[in-house]
Amino acid sequence: MLPAAAHAGVGIIARVPLASGLLTAKYTESTTFAENDHRTYNRGGEAFDVGETFSGVDFATGVQAAREFAALVPDGITAAQAALAWIAQLPEVSTVIPGARNPEQARANAEAGALRDLGDDVRRGIREIYDRHFRAAVHSRW
């Protein structure tokens, strides 16, 4: 989708870039959410588009992939910052809109915009994680 948008001169706004928190790498397979949290009641798209909750991926698979992603993250930054930087550094992406539950998260998210290029090794690792865990399940949606 990104190359087609660039070819058409269309900007991309990356919304829900942390996959409902998965890319913070703070969740485990046993993490639970409040009953009124969409991460509990919309995992299969029962209430609204499945892509809004964990980007439409299976939670356990997402947790495993997030662990692998966190292992790629350079020292000195969080997994969330690395995810935001990676998305913001894609040339086709115009802006990124992450959520934040408190001022500390908002500041940490903003700091991601000033991070240096994550490099080819990180980008290659992200592609491998995507291909291994998600491509077959979600790629046709985009």
C-alpha atoms as a PDB file:
ATOM      1  CA  MET A   1       0.000   0.000   0.000  1.00  0.00           C
ATOM      2  CA  LEU A   2       2.767   2.475   0.845  1.00  0.00           C
ATOM      3  CA  PRO A   3       4.431   2.421  -2.590  1.00  0.00           C
ATOM      4  CA  ALA A   4       1.032   2.906  -4.275  1.00  0.00           C
ATOM      5  CA  ALA A   5       0.274   5.886  -2.018  1.00  0.00           C
ATOM      6  CA  ALA A   6       3.663   7.436  -2.770  1.00  0.00           C
ATOM      7  CA  HIS A   7       3.165   6.916  -6.502  1.00  0.00           C
ATOM      8  CA  ALA A   8      -0.234   8.637  -6.277  1.00  0.00           C
ATOM      9  CA  GLY A   9       1.149  11.494  -4.180  1.00  0.00           C
ATOM     10  CA  VAL A  10      -1.073  10.546  -1.235  1.00  0.00           C
ATOM     11  CA  GLY A  11       0.124  11.103   2.320  1.00  0.00           C
ATOM     12  CA  ILE A  12      -0.155   8.365   4.934  1.00  0.00           C
ATOM     13  CA  ILE A  13      -1.277   9.038   8.503  1.00  0.00           C
ATOM     14  CA  ALA A  14      -0.187   6.123  10.683  1.00  0.00           C
ATOM     15  CA  ARG A  15      -2.929   5.747  13.279  1.00  0.00           C
ATOM     16  CA  VAL A  16      -2.770   3.211  16.160  1.00  0.00           C
ATOM     17  CA  PRO A  17       0.930   2.675  15.356  1.00  0.00           C
ATOM     18  CA  LEU A  18       1.641   0.641  18.492  1.00  0.00           C
ATOM     19  CA  ALA A  19      -0.998  -1.984  17.599  1.00  0.00           C
ATOM     20  CA  SER A  20      -3.119  -1.257  20.692  1.00  0.00           C
ATOM     21  CA  GLY A  21      -0.013  -1.499  22.853  1.00  0.00           C
ATOM     22  CA  LEU A  22       1.443  -4.730  21.480  1.00  0.00           C
ATOM     23  CA  LEU A  23       4.544  -2.952  20.197  1.00  0.00           C
ATOM     24  CA  THR A  24       5.371  -1.655  23.663  1.00  0.00           C
ATOM     25  CA  ALA A  25       6.469  -5.273  24.316  1.00  0.00           C
ATOM     26  CA  LYS A  26       4.963  -5.045  27.810  1.00  0.00           C
ATOM     27  CA  TYR A  27       2.270  -7.715  27.367  1.00  0.00           C
ATOM     28  CA  THR A  28       2.499 -11.445  27.952  1.00  0.00           C
ATOM     29  CA  GLU A  29       0.161 -14.186  26.816  1.00  0.00           C
ATOM     30  CA  SER A  30      -1.541 -13.953  30.236  1.00  0.00           C
ATOM     31  CA  THR A  31      -2.129 -10.183  30.126  1.00  0.00           C
ATOM     32  CA  THR A  32      -5.783  -9.302  30.628  1.00  0.00           C
ATOM     33  CA  PHE A  33      -7.621  -6.066  29.955  1.00  0.00           C
ATOM     34  CA  ALA A  34     -10.692  -4.503  31.520  1.00  0.00           C
ATOM     35  CA  GLU A  35     -14.048  -5.822  30.344  1.00  0.00           C
ATOM     36  CA  ASN A  36     -14.852  -2.483  28.696  1.00  0.00           C
ATOM     37  CA  ASP A  37     -11.479  -2.322  26.879  1.00  0.00           C
ATOM     38  CA  HIS A  38     -11.632  -3.035  23.136  1.00  0.00           C
ATOM     39  CA  ARG A  39      -8.612  -5.283  23.577  1.00  0.00           C
ATOM     40  CA  THR A  40     -10.981  -7.624  25.428  1.00  0.00           C
ATOM     41  CA  TYR A  41     -14.187  -7.396  23.417  1.00  0.00           C
ATOM     42  CA  ASN A  42     -13.064  -6.638  19.862  1.00  0.00           C
ATOM     43  CA  ARG A  43     -10.259  -9.117  19.208  1.00  0.00           C
ATOM     44  CA  GLY A  44     -12.174 -10.705  16.348  1.00  0.00           C
ATOM     45  CA  GLY A  45     -13.819  -7.509  15.111  1.00  0.00           C
ATOM     46  CA  GLU A  46     -17.116  -8.111  16.895  1.00  0.00           C
ATOM     47  CA  ALA A  47     -17.709  -4.415  17.686  1.00  0.00           C
ATOM     48  CA  PHE A  48     -15.805  -2.592  14.921  1.00  0.00           C
ATOM     49  CA  ASP A  49     -13.051  -3.256  12.391  1.00  0.00           C
ATOM     50  CA  VAL A  50     -10.728  -5.978  13.628  1.00  0.00           C
ATOM     51  CA  GLY A  51      -7.753  -3.895  12.451  1.00  0.00           C
ATOM     52  CA  GLU A  52      -8.393  -1.451  15.288  1.00  0.00           C
ATOM     53  CA  THR A  53      -7.471  -4.066  17.910  1.00  0.00           C
ATOM     54  CA  PHE A  54      -3.904  -5.397  17.795  1.00  0.00           C
ATOM     55  CA  SER A  55      -3.881  -4.474  14.086  1.00  0.00           C
ATOM     56  CA  GLY A  56      -6.055  -7.508  13.465  1.00  0.00           C
ATOM     57  CA  VAL A  57      -3.489 -10.078  14.584  1.00  0.00           C
ATOM     58  CA  ASP A  58      -3.954 -12.921  17.033  1.00  0.00           C
ATOM     59  CA  PHE A  59      -2.954 -11.726  20.524  1.00  0.00           C
ATOM     60  CA  ALA A  60      -0.620 -14.620  21.390  1.00  0.00           C
ATOM     61  CA  THR A  61       1.117 -14.332  18.020  1.00  0.00           C
ATOM     62  CA  GLY A  62       1.389 -10.575  18.510  1.00  0.00           C
ATOM     63  CA  VAL A  63       2.966 -11.000  21.943  1.00  0.00           C
ATOM     64  CA  GLN A  64       5.570 -13.403  20.532  1.00  0.00           C
ATOM     65  CA  ALA A  65       6.346 -11.085  17.631  1.00  0.00           C
ATOM     66  CA  ALA A  66       6.603  -8.113  20.015  1.00  0.00           C
ATOM     67  CA  ARG A  67       9.207 -10.025  22.038  1.00  0.00           C
ATOM     68  CA  GLU A  68      11.198 -10.629  18.877  1.00  0.00           C
ATOM     69  CA  PHE A  69      10.820  -6.974  17.907  1.00  0.00           C
ATOM     70  CA  ALA A  70      12.033  -5.841  21.350  1.00  0.00           C
ATOM     71  CA  ALA A  71      15.192  -7.899  20.841  1.00  0.00           C
ATOM     72  CA  LEU A  72      15.968  -5.736  17.769  1.00  0.00           C
ATOM     73  CA  VAL A  73      15.613  -2.437  19.647  1.00  0.00           C
ATOM     74  CA  PRO A  74      18.845  -0.470  20.075  1.00  0.00           C
ATOM     75  CA  ASP A  75      20.007   0.243  23.628  1.00  0.00           C
ATOM     76  CA  GLY A  76      18.729   3.423  25.215  1.00  0.00           C
ATOM     77  CA  ILE A  77      15.255   3.476  23.677  1.00  0.00           C
ATOM     78  CA  THR A  78      12.037   1.642  24.416  1.00  0.00           C
ATOM     79  CA  ALA A  79      10.271  -0.778  22.110  1.00  0.00           C
ATOM     80  CA  ALA A  80       7.471   1.778  21.735  1.00  0.00           C
ATOM     81  CA  GLN A  81       9.926   4.487  20.710  1.00  0.00           C
ATOM     82  CA  ALA A  82      11.603   2.154  18.226  1.00  0.00           C
ATOM     83  CA  ALA A  83       8.243   1.224  16.699  1.00  0.00           C
ATOM     84  CA  LEU A  84       7.226   4.873  16.376  1.00  0.00           C
ATOM     85  CA  ALA A  85      10.607   5.829  14.923  1.00  0.00           C
ATOM     86  CA  TRP A  86      10.470   2.965  12.423  1.00  0.00           C
ATOM     87  CA  ILE A  87       7.044   4.040  11.198  1.00  0.00           C
ATOM     88  CA  ALA A  88       7.935   7.736  11.112  1.00  0.00           C
ATOM     89  CA  GLN A  89      11.135   6.980   9.193  1.00  0.00           C
ATOM     90  CA  LEU A  90       9.254   5.283   6.351  1.00  0.00           C
ATOM     91  CA  PRO A  91       9.471   7.801   3.491  1.00  0.00           C
ATOM     92  CA  GLU A  92       5.820   7.292   2.532  1.00  0.00           C
ATOM     93  CA  VAL A  93       4.492   8.131   6.014  1.00  0.00           C
ATOM     94  CA  SER A  94       3.482  11.758   6.535  1.00  0.00           C
ATOM     95  CA  THR A  95       2.731  11.615  10.256  1.00  0.00           C
ATOM     96  CA  VAL A  96       2.212   9.196  13.131  1.00  0.00           C
ATOM     97  CA  ILE A  97      -0.569   9.472  15.727  1.00  0.00           C
ATOM     98  CA  PRO A  98       0.160   7.350  18.807  1.00  0.00           C
ATOM     99  CA  GLY A  99      -1.998   7.290  21.892  1.00  0.00           C
ATOM    100  CA  ALA A 100      -0.759   8.055  25.390  1.00  0.00           C
ATOM    101  CA  ARG A 101      -2.282   7.398  28.785  1.00  0.00           C
ATOM    102  CA  ASN A 102      -0.179   9.925  30.691  1.00  0.00           C
ATOM    103  CA  PRO A 103       2.270  12.809  30.172  1.00  0.00           C
ATOM    104  CA  GLU A 104       5.307  10.508  30.476  1.00  0.00           C
ATOM    105  CA  GLN A 105       4.100   8.339  27.604  1.00  0.00           C
ATOM    106  CA  ALA A 106       3.328  11.421  25.520  1.00  0.00           C
ATOM    107  CA  ARG A 107       6.860  12.754  26.100  1.00  0.00           C
ATOM    108  CA  ALA A 108       8.476   9.387  25.324  1.00  0.00           C
ATOM    109  CA  ASN A 109       6.397   9.119  22.144  1.00  0.00           C
ATOM    110  CA  ALA A 110       7.440  12.612  21.074  1.00  0.00           C
ATOM    111  CA  GLU A 111      11.120  11.765  21.665  1.00  0.00           C
ATOM    112  CA  ALA A 112      10.800   8.966  19.093  1.00  0.00           C
ATOM    113  CA  GLY A 113      10.565  11.637  16.397  1.00  0.00           C
ATOM    114  CA  ALA A 114      14.132  12.724  17.067  1.00  0.00           C
ATOM    115  CA  LEU A 115      15.709   9.260  17.037  1.00  0.00           C
ATOM    116  CA  ARG A 116      18.439   8.449  14.561  1.00  0.00           C
ATOM    117  CA  ASP A 117      17.754   6.122  11.662  1.00  0.00           C
ATOM    118  CA  LEU A 118      17.239   2.622  13.031  1.00  0.00           C
ATOM    119  CA  GLY A 119      19.314   1.062  10.264  1.00  0.00           C
ATOM    120  CA  ASP A 120      19.020  -1.723   7.753  1.00  0.00           C
ATOM    121  CA  ASP A 121      19.484  -4.546  10.281  1.00  0.00           C
ATOM    122  CA  VAL A 122      16.461  -3.407  12.309  1.00  0.00           C
ATOM    123  CA  ARG A 123      14.359  -2.894   9.172  1.00  0.00           C
ATOM    124  CA  ARG A 124      15.351  -6.342   7.900  1.00  0.00           C
ATOM    125  CA  GLY A 125      14.480  -7.889  11.269  1.00  0.00           C
ATOM    126  CA  ILE A 126      11.081  -6.195  11.278  1.00  0.00           C
ATOM    127  CA  ARG A 127      10.374  -7.512   7.771  1.00  0.00           C
ATOM    128  CA  GLU A 128      11.345 -11.045   8.851  1.00  0.00           C
ATOM    129  CA  ILE A 129       9.042 -10.857  11.893  1.00  0.00           C
ATOM    130  CA  TYR A 130       6.182  -9.604   9.721  1.00  0.00           C
ATOM    131  CA  ASP A 131       6.729 -12.270   7.082  1.00  0.00           C
ATOM    132  CA  ARG A 132       6.971 -15.086   9.633  1.00  0.00           C
ATOM    133  CA  HIS A 133       4.079 -14.121  11.899  1.00  0.00           C
ATOM    134  CA  PHE A 134       1.633 -11.880  10.025  1.00  0.00           C
ATOM    135  CA  ARG A 135       1.911 -11.758   6.260  1.00  0.00           C
ATOM    136  CA  ALA A 136      -0.415 -14.702   5.602  1.00  0.00           C
ATOM    137  CA  ALA A 137      -2.995 -13.513   8.145  1.00  0.00           C
ATOM    138  CA  VAL A 138      -3.239  -9.770   7.438  1.00  0.00           C
ATOM    139  CA  HIS A 139      -1.374  -8.738   4.306  1.00  0.00           C
ATOM    140  CA  SER A 140      -4.412  -9.071   2.062  1.00  0.00           C
ATOM    141  CA  ARG A 141      -6.254  -6.495   4.254  1.00  0.00           C
ATOM    142  CA  TRP A 142      -3.838  -3.736   3.305  1.00  0.00           C
END
